[in-house]
Amino acid sequence: AEALEDYGRHDKEERIRWRQEREQNEKERLREIEESKKEKEQQW
């Protein structure tokens, strides 16, 4: 039961970490898109 509880806790931490990474990747992607738009506008 303790092992199962530890596994559940570890699983929850892993999901939180994964969500944070996903959010960070999304922010990075949006930043890159914004930079690309600015660069294209400057080229135009």
All heavy atoms as atom14 arrays in JSON, in Angstrom:
{
  "sequence": "AEALEDYGRHDKEERIRWRQEREQNEKERLREIEESKKEKEQQW",
  "atom14_mask": [
    [1, 1, 1, 1, 1, 0, 0, 0, 0, 0, 0, 0, 0, 0],
    [1, 1, 1, 1, 1, 1, 1, 1, 1, 0, 0, 0, 0, 0],
    [1, 1, 1, 1, 1, 0, 0, 0, 0, 0, 0, 0, 0, 0],
    [1, 1, 1, 1, 1, 1, 1, 1, 0, 0, 0, 0, 0, 0],
    [1, 1, 1, 1, 1, 1, 1, 1, 1, 0, 0, 0, 0, 0],
    [1, 1, 1, 1, 1, 1, 1, 1, 0, 0, 0, 0, 0, 0],
    [1, 1, 1, 1, 1, 1, 1, 1, 1, 1, 1, 1, 0, 0],
    [1, 1, 1, 1, 0, 0, 0, 0, 0, 0, 0, 0, 0, 0],
    [1, 1, 1, 1, 1, 1, 1, 1, 1, 1, 1, 0, 0, 0],
    [1, 1, 1, 1, 1, 1, 1, 1, 1, 1, 0, 0, 0, 0],
    [1, 1, 1, 1, 1, 1, 1, 1, 0, 0, 0, 0, 0, 0],
    [1, 1, 1, 1, 1, 1, 1, 1, 1, 0, 0, 0, 0, 0],
    [1, 1, 1, 1, 1, 1, 1, 1, 1, 0, 0, 0, 0, 0],
    [1, 1, 1, 1, 1, 1, 1, 1, 1, 0, 0, 0, 0, 0],
    [1, 1, 1, 1, 1, 1, 1, 1, 1, 1, 1, 0, 0, 0],
    [1, 1, 1, 1, 1, 1, 1, 1, 0, 0, 0, 0, 0, 0],
    [1, 1, 1, 1, 1, 1, 1, 1, 1, 1, 1, 0, 0, 0],
    [1, 1, 1, 1, 1, 1, 1, 1, 1, 1, 1, 1, 1, 1],
    [1, 1, 1, 1, 1, 1, 1, 1, 1, 1, 1, 0, 0, 0],
    [1, 1, 1, 1, 1, 1, 1, 1, 1, 0, 0, 0, 0, 0],
    [1, 1, 1, 1, 1, 1, 1, 1, 1, 0, 0, 0, 0, 0],
    [1, 1, 1, 1, 1, 1, 1, 1, 1, 1, 1, 0, 0, 0],
    [1, 1, 1, 1, 1, 1, 1, 1, 1, 0, 0, 0, 0, 0],
    [1, 1, 1, 1, 1, 1, 1, 1, 1, 0, 0, 0, 0, 0],
    [1, 1, 1, 1, 1, 1, 1, 1, 0, 0, 0, 0, 0, 0],
    [1, 1, 1, 1, 1, 1, 1, 1, 1, 0, 0, 0, 0, 0],
    [1, 1, 1, 1, 1, 1, 1, 1, 1, 0, 0, 0, 0, 0],
    [1, 1, 1, 1, 1, 1, 1, 1, 1, 0, 0, 0, 0, 0],
    [1, 1, 1, 1, 1, 1, 1, 1, 1, 1, 1, 0, 0, 0],
    [1, 1, 1, 1, 1, 1, 1, 1, 0, 0, 0, 0, 0, 0],
    [1, 1, 1, 1, 1, 1, 1, 1, 1, 1, 1, 0, 0, 0],
    [1, 1, 1, 1, 1, 1, 1, 1, 1, 0, 0, 0, 0, 0],
    [1, 1, 1, 1, 1, 1, 1, 1, 0, 0, 0, 0, 0, 0],
    [1, 1, 1, 1, 1, 1, 1, 1, 1, 0, 0, 0, 0, 0],
    [1, 1, 1, 1, 1, 1, 1, 1, 1, 0, 0, 0, 0, 0],
    [1, 1, 1, 1, 1, 1, 0, 0, 0, 0, 0, 0, 0, 0],
    [1, 1, 1, 1, 1, 1, 1, 1, 1, 0, 0, 0, 0, 0],
    [1, 1, 1, 1, 1, 1, 1, 1, 1, 0, 0, 0, 0, 0],
    [1, 1, 1, 1, 1, 1, 1, 1, 1, 0, 0, 0, 0, 0],
    [1, 1, 1, 1, 1, 1, 1, 1, 1, 0, 0, 0, 0, 0],
    [1, 1, 1, 1, 1, 1, 1, 1, 1, 0, 0, 0, 0, 0],
    [1, 1, 1, 1, 1, 1, 1, 1, 1, 0, 0, 0, 0, 0],
    [1, 1, 1, 1, 1, 1, 1, 1, 1, 0, 0, 0, 0, 0],
    [1, 1, 1, 1, 1, 1, 1, 1, 1, 1, 1, 1, 1, 1]
  ],
  "atom14_positions": [
    [[0.84, -1.2, 0.0], [0.0, 0.0, 0.0], [0.87, 1.25, 0.0], [0.57, 2.23, -0.69], [-0.92, -0.01, 1.21], [0.0, 0.0, 0.0], [0.0, 0.0, 0.0], [0.0, 0.0, 0.0], [0.0, 0.0, 0.0], [0.0, 0.0, 0.0], [0.0, 0.0, 0.0], [0.0, 0.0, 0.0], [0.0, 0.0, 0.0], [0.0, 0.0, 0.0]],
    [[1.94, 1.22, 0.76], [2.85, 2.36, 0.79], [3.51, 2.55, -0.58], [3.68, 3.67, -1.05], [3.9, 2.17, 1.88], [3.34, 2.27, 3.28], [4.39, 1.94, 4.35], [5.55, 1.72, 3.99], [4.0, 1.9, 5.53], [0.0, 0.0, 0.0], [0.0, 0.0, 0.0], [0.0, 0.0, 0.0], [0.0, 0.0, 0.0], [0.0, 0.0, 0.0]],
    [[3.88, 1.43, -1.2], [4.48, 1.51, -2.52], [3.49, 2.08, -3.53], [3.85, 2.9, -4.37], [4.95, 0.13, -2.98], [0.0, 0.0, 0.0], [0.0, 0.0, 0.0], [0.0, 0.0, 0.0], [0.0, 0.0, 0.0], [0.0, 0.0, 0.0], [0.0, 0.0, 0.0], [0.0, 0.0, 0.0], [0.0, 0.0, 0.0], [0.0, 0.0, 0.0]],
    [[2.24, 1.65, -3.39], [1.2, 2.16, -4.29], [1.0, 3.66, -4.06], [0.84, 4.42, -5.02], [-0.1, 1.4, -4.05], [-1.26, 1.74, -4.97], [-0.89, 1.42, -6.42], [-2.5, 0.97, -4.57], [0.0, 0.0, 0.0], [0.0, 0.0, 0.0], [0.0, 0.0, 0.0], [0.0, 0.0, 0.0], [0.0, 0.0, 0.0], [0.0, 0.0, 0.0]],
    [[1.01, 4.07, -2.81], [0.87, 5.48, -2.49], [2.04, 6.28, -3.04], [1.86, 7.36, -3.6], [0.77, 5.64, -0.97], [0.33, 7.01, -0.54], [0.14, 7.07, 0.96], [-0.71, 6.3, 1.47], [0.83, 7.86, 1.6], [0.0, 0.0, 0.0], [0.0, 0.0, 0.0], [0.0, 0.0, 0.0], [0.0, 0.0, 0.0], [0.0, 0.0, 0.0]],
    [[3.26, 5.76, -2.89], [4.45, 6.42, -3.45], [4.34, 6.52, -4.96], [4.68, 7.55, -5.55], [5.73, 5.66, -3.07], [6.08, 5.83, -1.61], [5.55, 6.77, -0.97], [6.9, 5.03, -1.1], [0.0, 0.0, 0.0], [0.0, 0.0, 0.0], [0.0, 0.0, 0.0], [0.0, 0.0, 0.0], [0.0, 0.0, 0.0], [0.0, 0.0, 0.0]],
    [[3.87, 5.44, -5.56], [3.72, 5.43, -7.03], [2.7, 6.5, -7.45], [2.93, 7.23, -8.41], [3.27, 4.05, -7.52], [2.99, 4.02, -8.99], [4.03, 4.0, -9.91], [1.68, 4.03, -9.47], [3.78, 3.98, -11.26], [1.41, 4.0, -10.82], [2.47, 3.99, -11.72], [2.22, 3.97, -13.05], [0.0, 0.0, 0.0], [0.0, 0.0, 0.0]],
    [[1.6, 6.6, -6.71], [0.58, 7.61, -7.02], [1.13, 9.01, -6.88], [0.87, 9.88, -7.7], [0.0, 0.0, 0.0], [0.0, 0.0, 0.0], [0.0, 0.0, 0.0], [0.0, 0.0, 0.0], [0.0, 0.0, 0.0], [0.0, 0.0, 0.0], [0.0, 0.0, 0.0], [0.0, 0.0, 0.0], [0.0, 0.0, 0.0], [0.0, 0.0, 0.0]],
    [[1.91, 9.22, -5.81], [2.53, 10.53, -5.59], [3.51, 10.83, -6.72], [3.52, 11.94, -7.26], [3.24, 10.52, -4.23], [3.52, 11.91, -3.72], [4.12, 11.91, -2.3], [3.37, 11.11, -1.35], [3.87, 10.08, -0.67], [5.13, 9.73, -0.83], [3.13, 9.4, 0.19], [0.0, 0.0, 0.0], [0.0, 0.0, 0.0], [0.0, 0.0, 0.0]],
    [[4.32, 9.84, -7.07], [5.3, 10.02, -8.15], [4.59, 10.3, -9.48], [5.0, 11.16, -10.25], [6.19, 8.77, -8.28], [7.12, 8.81, -9.43], [8.21, 9.65, -9.46], [7.11, 8.13, -10.61], [8.83, 9.48, -10.61], [8.19, 8.56, -11.32], [0.0, 0.0, 0.0], [0.0, 0.0, 0.0], [0.0, 0.0, 0.0], [0.0, 0.0, 0.0]],
    [[3.5, 9.57, -9.73], [2.73, 9.75, -10.95], [2.16, 11.16, -11.02], [2.19, 11.81, -12.06], [1.61, 8.71, -11.0], [0.91, 8.69, -12.33], [1.59, 8.78, -13.37], [-0.34, 8.56, -12.34], [0.0, 0.0, 0.0], [0.0, 0.0, 0.0], [0.0, 0.0, 0.0], [0.0, 0.0, 0.0], [0.0, 0.0, 0.0], [0.0, 0.0, 0.0]],
    [[1.65, 11.66, -9.89], [1.09, 13.01, -9.84], [2.18, 14.05, -10.11], [1.98, 14.99, -10.88], [0.44, 13.26, -8.49], [-0.25, 14.58, -8.38], [-0.96, 14.73, -7.04], [-1.67, 16.05, -6.95], [-2.36, 16.2, -5.68], [0.0, 0.0, 0.0], [0.0, 0.0, 0.0], [0.0, 0.0, 0.0], [0.0, 0.0, 0.0], [0.0, 0.0, 0.0]],
    [[3.35, 13.86, -9.5], [4.47, 14.78, -9.73], [4.89, 14.76, -11.19], [5.2, 15.79, -11.78], [5.65, 14.4, -8.84], [5.42, 14.67, -7.37], [6.51, 14.07, -6.48], [7.43, 13.43, -7.02], [6.42, 14.26, -5.26], [0.0, 0.0, 0.0], [0.0, 0.0, 0.0], [0.0, 0.0, 0.0], [0.0, 0.0, 0.0], [0.0, 0.0, 0.0]],
    [[4.88, 13.57, -11.77], [5.25, 13.43, -13.19], [4.24, 14.16, -14.09], [4.64, 14.83, -15.05], [5.29, 11.93, -13.55], [5.92, 11.64, -14.88], [7.39, 11.97, -14.93], [8.08, 11.88, -13.89], [7.86, 12.33, -16.01], [0.0, 0.0, 0.0], [0.0, 0.0, 0.0], [0.0, 0.0, 0.0], [0.0, 0.0, 0.0], [0.0, 0.0, 0.0]],
    [[2.96, 14.04, -13.78], [1.95, 14.74, -14.57], [2.1, 16.25, -14.44], [1.96, 16.97, -15.42], [0.55, 14.32, -14.13], [0.14, 12.96, -14.68], [-1.26, 12.62, -14.28], [-1.19, 12.31, -12.85], [-2.21, 12.19, -12.04], [-3.41, 12.35, -12.49], [-2.05, 11.89, -10.77], [0.0, 0.0, 0.0], [0.0, 0.0, 0.0], [0.0, 0.0, 0.0]],
    [[2.4, 16.73, -13.22], [2.61, 18.17, -13.02], [3.81, 18.64, -13.81], [3.77, 19.66, -14.49], [2.76, 18.49, -11.51], [1.43, 18.28, -10.79], [3.27, 19.9, -11.31], [1.53, 18.34, -9.28], [0.0, 0.0, 0.0], [0.0, 0.0, 0.0], [0.0, 0.0, 0.0], [0.0, 0.0, 0.0], [0.0, 0.0, 0.0], [0.0, 0.0, 0.0]],
    [[4.9, 17.87, -13.75], [6.12, 18.22, -14.48], [5.85, 18.23, -15.99], [6.27, 19.13, -16.7], [7.23, 17.22, -14.15], [8.59, 17.64, -14.66], [9.71, 16.69, -14.26], [9.71, 16.34, -12.84], [9.48, 15.1, -12.37], [9.26, 14.11, -13.2], [9.49, 14.85, -11.08], [0.0, 0.0, 0.0], [0.0, 0.0, 0.0], [0.0, 0.0, 0.0]],
    [[5.11, 17.23, -16.45], [4.79, 17.14, -17.88], [3.94, 18.33, -18.33], [4.18, 18.91, -19.39], [4.05, 15.83, -18.15], [3.7, 15.63, -19.58], [4.52, 15.27, -20.59], [2.41, 15.82, -20.17], [3.83, 15.2, -21.77], [2.53, 15.53, -21.53], [1.17, 16.18, -19.67], [1.45, 15.61, -22.4], [0.1, 16.26, -20.54], [0.26, 15.97, -21.89]],
    [[2.96, 18.72, -17.5], [2.1, 19.86, -17.82], [2.92, 21.15, -17.87], [2.75, 21.98, -18.77], [0.99, 20.0, -16.78], [-0.02, 21.07, -17.16], [-1.17, 21.26, -16.19], [-1.64, 20.07, -15.53], [-1.7, 19.92, -14.21], [-1.31, 20.88, -13.41], [-2.15, 18.81, -13.67], [0.0, 0.0, 0.0], [0.0, 0.0, 0.0], [0.0, 0.0, 0.0]],
    [[3.86, 21.31, -16.92], [4.7, 22.5, -16.92], [5.58, 22.55, -18.16], [5.74, 23.6, -18.78], [5.56, 22.54, -15.66], [4.78, 22.84, -14.4], [5.61, 22.65, -13.14], [6.67, 22.04, -13.16], [5.11, 23.18, -12.02], [0.0, 0.0, 0.0], [0.0, 0.0, 0.0], [0.0, 0.0, 0.0], [0.0, 0.0, 0.0], [0.0, 0.0, 0.0]],
    [[6.13, 21.41, -18.55], [6.95, 21.35, -19.76], [6.12, 21.69, -20.99], [6.57, 22.41, -21.87], [7.57, 19.97, -19.93], [8.69, 19.67, -18.96], [9.22, 18.25, -19.1], [8.78, 17.52, -20.01], [10.09, 17.88, -18.29], [0.0, 0.0, 0.0], [0.0, 0.0, 0.0], [0.0, 0.0, 0.0], [0.0, 0.0, 0.0], [0.0, 0.0, 0.0]],
    [[4.91, 21.16, -21.05], [4.01, 21.43, -22.18], [3.68, 22.92, -22.26], [3.71, 23.52, -23.33], [2.74, 20.6, -22.04], [1.87, 20.67, -23.28], [0.65, 19.82, -23.14], [-0.18, 20.37, -22.07], [-1.04, 19.69, -21.37], [-1.23, 18.42, -21.58], [-1.76, 20.27, -20.42], [0.0, 0.0, 0.0], [0.0, 0.0, 0.0], [0.0, 0.0, 0.0]],
    [[3.38, 23.53, -21.11], [3.08, 24.96, -21.08], [4.3, 25.78, -21.51], [4.18, 26.75, -22.25], [2.62, 25.39, -19.69], [1.24, 24.87, -19.33], [0.88, 25.14, -17.87], [1.73, 25.68, -17.13], [-0.27, 24.81, -17.49], [0.0, 0.0, 0.0], [0.0, 0.0, 0.0], [0.0, 0.0, 0.0], [0.0, 0.0, 0.0], [0.0, 0.0, 0.0]],
    [[5.48, 25.37, -21.03], [6.71, 26.08, -21.41], [6.96, 25.93, -22.91], [7.32, 26.92, -23.58], [7.9, 25.52, -20.62], [9.18, 26.27, -20.86], [10.3, 25.72, -19.99], [10.1, 24.83, -19.19], [11.49, 26.26, -20.17], [0.0, 0.0, 0.0], [0.0, 0.0, 0.0], [0.0, 0.0, 0.0], [0.0, 0.0, 0.0], [0.0, 0.0, 0.0]],
    [[6.75, 24.74, -23.46], [6.93, 24.54, -24.9], [5.94, 25.39, -25.69], [6.28, 25.94, -26.73], [6.77, 23.06, -25.26], [7.92, 22.21, -24.77], [8.99, 22.72, -24.48], [7.69, 20.91, -24.67], [0.0, 0.0, 0.0], [0.0, 0.0, 0.0], [0.0, 0.0, 0.0], [0.0, 0.0, 0.0], [0.0, 0.0, 0.0], [0.0, 0.0, 0.0]],
    [[4.72, 25.49, -25.2], [3.7, 26.3, -25.87], [4.09, 27.77, -25.87], [3.97, 28.47, -26.88], [2.34, 26.09, -25.19], [1.2, 26.84, -25.84], [0.85, 26.32, -27.22], [1.26, 25.2, -27.58], [0.19, 27.06, -27.96], [0.0, 0.0, 0.0], [0.0, 0.0, 0.0], [0.0, 0.0, 0.0], [0.0, 0.0, 0.0], [0.0, 0.0, 0.0]],
    [[4.6, 28.26, -24.72], [5.05, 29.65, -24.64], [6.21, 29.89, -25.6], [6.26, 30.92, -26.28], [5.47, 29.99, -23.21], [4.32, 30.15, -22.26], [4.81, 30.44, -20.85], [3.66, 30.51, -19.85], [4.13, 30.74, -18.47], [0.0, 0.0, 0.0], [0.0, 0.0, 0.0], [0.0, 0.0, 0.0], [0.0, 0.0, 0.0], [0.0, 0.0, 0.0]],
    [[7.13, 28.95, -25.66], [8.28, 29.06, -26.56], [7.82, 29.09, -28.02], [8.3, 29.89, -28.82], [9.24, 27.89, -26.34], [10.47, 27.91, -27.2], [11.43, 29.01, -26.84], [11.4, 29.53, -25.71], [12.23, 29.39, -27.72], [0.0, 0.0, 0.0], [0.0, 0.0, 0.0], [0.0, 0.0, 0.0], [0.0, 0.0, 0.0], [0.0, 0.0, 0.0]],
    [[6.86, 28.24, -28.35], [6.34, 28.19, -29.72], [5.66, 29.51, -30.09], [5.88, 30.06, -31.17], [5.35, 27.04, -29.86], [4.88, 26.79, -31.29], [3.88, 25.64, -31.34], [2.63, 25.97, -30.71], [1.63, 26.64, -31.32], [1.76, 27.05, -32.54], [0.52, 26.88, -30.67], [0.0, 0.0, 0.0], [0.0, 0.0, 0.0], [0.0, 0.0, 0.0]],
    [[4.86, 30.06, -29.16], [4.19, 31.33, -29.4], [5.2, 32.47, -29.56], [5.03, 33.35, -30.4], [3.21, 31.64, -28.27], [1.98, 30.75, -28.2], [1.16, 31.08, -26.95], [1.13, 30.88, -29.45], [0.0, 0.0, 0.0], [0.0, 0.0, 0.0], [0.0, 0.0, 0.0], [0.0, 0.0, 0.0], [0.0, 0.0, 0.0], [0.0, 0.0, 0.0]],
    [[6.25, 32.43, -28.75], [7.3, 33.45, -28.85], [8.0, 33.37, -30.21], [8.24, 34.4, -30.86], [8.33, 33.29, -27.72], [9.35, 34.41, -27.65], [10.43, 34.14, -26.6], [11.17, 32.94, -26.88], [12.14, 32.83, -27.79], [12.45, 33.85, -28.55], [12.77, 31.69, -27.97], [0.0, 0.0, 0.0], [0.0, 0.0, 0.0], [0.0, 0.0, 0.0]],
    [[8.29, 32.16, -30.66], [8.93, 31.98, -31.96], [8.03, 32.45, -33.1], [8.5, 33.08, -34.05], [9.31, 30.51, -32.17], [10.48, 30.07, -31.32], [10.75, 28.58, -31.45], [10.01, 27.87, -32.18], [11.72, 28.12, -30.82], [0.0, 0.0, 0.0], [0.0, 0.0, 0.0], [0.0, 0.0, 0.0], [0.0, 0.0, 0.0], [0.0, 0.0, 0.0]],
    [[6.73, 32.18, -32.98], [5.78, 32.64, -34.0], [5.75, 34.17, -34.02], [5.76, 34.78, -35.1], [4.37, 32.06, -33.73], [4.36, 30.57, -34.03], [3.31, 32.79, -34.55], [3.09, 29.87, -33.61], [0.0, 0.0, 0.0], [0.0, 0.0, 0.0], [0.0, 0.0, 0.0], [0.0, 0.0, 0.0], [0.0, 0.0, 0.0], [0.0, 0.0, 0.0]],
    [[5.74, 34.78, -32.85], [5.72, 36.24, -32.76], [6.99, 36.83, -33.37], [6.93, 37.82, -34.12], [5.58, 36.67, -31.29], [5.22, 38.11, -31.1], [3.84, 38.45, -31.64], [2.95, 37.6, -31.63], [3.68, 39.6, -32.1], [0.0, 0.0, 0.0], [0.0, 0.0, 0.0], [0.0, 0.0, 0.0], [0.0, 0.0, 0.0], [0.0, 0.0, 0.0]],
    [[8.14, 36.23, -33.06], [9.4, 36.7, -33.64], [9.38, 36.56, -35.16], [9.84, 37.45, -35.88], [10.58, 35.92, -33.07], [10.95, 36.29, -31.66], [12.12, 35.47, -31.14], [12.7, 34.67, -31.9], [12.44, 35.64, -29.94], [0.0, 0.0, 0.0], [0.0, 0.0, 0.0], [0.0, 0.0, 0.0], [0.0, 0.0, 0.0], [0.0, 0.0, 0.0]],
    [[8.86, 35.46, -35.64], [8.77, 35.22, -37.08], [7.89, 36.28, -37.75], [8.24, 36.8, -38.81], [8.21, 33.82, -37.34], [8.0, 33.61, -38.7], [0.0, 0.0, 0.0], [0.0, 0.0, 0.0], [0.0, 0.0, 0.0], [0.0, 0.0, 0.0], [0.0, 0.0, 0.0], [0.0, 0.0, 0.0], [0.0, 0.0, 0.0], [0.0, 0.0, 0.0]],
    [[6.75, 36.6, -37.12], [5.87, 37.63, -37.66], [6.58, 38.97, -37.72], [6.49, 39.69, -38.72], [4.61, 37.76, -36.8], [3.61, 36.67, -37.0], [2.39, 36.91, -36.13], [1.36, 35.81, -36.28], [0.2, 36.02, -35.4], [0.0, 0.0, 0.0], [0.0, 0.0, 0.0], [0.0, 0.0, 0.0], [0.0, 0.0, 0.0], [0.0, 0.0, 0.0]],
    [[7.29, 39.32, -36.65], [8.01, 40.6, -36.63], [9.09, 40.64, -37.7], [9.28, 41.66, -38.37], [8.63, 40.83, -35.24], [7.62, 41.19, -34.18], [8.26, 41.4, -32.83], [7.24, 41.71, -31.77], [7.85, 41.88, -30.44], [0.0, 0.0, 0.0], [0.0, 0.0, 0.0], [0.0, 0.0, 0.0], [0.0, 0.0, 0.0], [0.0, 0.0, 0.0]],
    [[9.8, 39.54, -37.86], [10.85, 39.47, -38.87], [10.27, 39.61, -40.28], [10.8, 40.35, -41.11], [11.6, 38.15, -38.75], [12.8, 38.04, -39.66], [13.55, 36.74, -39.45], [13.58, 36.24, -38.31], [14.11, 36.24, -40.44], [0.0, 0.0, 0.0], [0.0, 0.0, 0.0], [0.0, 0.0, 0.0], [0.0, 0.0, 0.0], [0.0, 0.0, 0.0]],
    [[9.18, 38.91, -40.56], [8.53, 39.01, -41.87], [8.02, 40.42, -42.12], [8.12, 40.95, -43.23], [7.39, 38.01, -41.98], [7.85, 36.59, -42.15], [6.7, 35.63, -42.25], [7.19, 34.2, -42.38], [6.08, 33.24, -42.46], [0.0, 0.0, 0.0], [0.0, 0.0, 0.0], [0.0, 0.0, 0.0], [0.0, 0.0, 0.0], [0.0, 0.0, 0.0]],
    [[7.45, 41.04, -41.08], [6.96, 42.42, -41.22], [8.11, 43.36, -41.53], [7.99, 44.25, -42.39], [6.25, 42.83, -39.93], [5.56, 44.17, -40.02], [4.79, 44.5, -38.75], [4.2, 43.58, -38.16], [4.79, 45.69, -38.38], [0.0, 0.0, 0.0], [0.0, 0.0, 0.0], [0.0, 0.0, 0.0], [0.0, 0.0, 0.0], [0.0, 0.0, 0.0]],
    [[9.24, 43.17, -40.86], [10.41, 44.01, -41.11], [10.92, 43.8, -42.54], [11.3, 44.76, -43.22], [11.53, 43.7, -40.09], [12.75, 44.56, -40.23], [12.44, 46.04, -40.04], [11.59, 46.41, -39.24], [13.13, 46.88, -40.78], [0.0, 0.0, 0.0], [0.0, 0.0, 0.0], [0.0, 0.0, 0.0], [0.0, 0.0, 0.0], [0.0, 0.0, 0.0]],
    [[10.96, 42.55, -42.98], [11.38, 42.26, -44.35], [10.44, 42.92, -45.36], [10.89, 43.46, -46.37], [11.41, 40.74, -44.6], [12.54, 40.04, -43.9], [12.47, 38.53, -44.06], [11.48, 37.99, -44.54], [13.52, 37.84, -43.63], [0.0, 0.0, 0.0], [0.0, 0.0, 0.0], [0.0, 0.0, 0.0], [0.0, 0.0, 0.0], [0.0, 0.0, 0.0]],
    [[9.14, 42.88, -45.08], [8.18, 43.5, -45.97], [8.39, 45.02, -46.03], [8.36, 45.61, -47.11], [6.75, 43.17, -45.52], [5.7, 43.88, -46.33], [4.91, 44.91, -45.94], [5.35, 43.61, -47.69], [4.09, 45.31, -46.95], [4.34, 44.51, -48.05], [5.8, 42.69, -48.63], [3.77, 44.53, -49.31], [5.21, 42.71, -49.89], [4.22, 43.61, -50.22]]
  ]
}
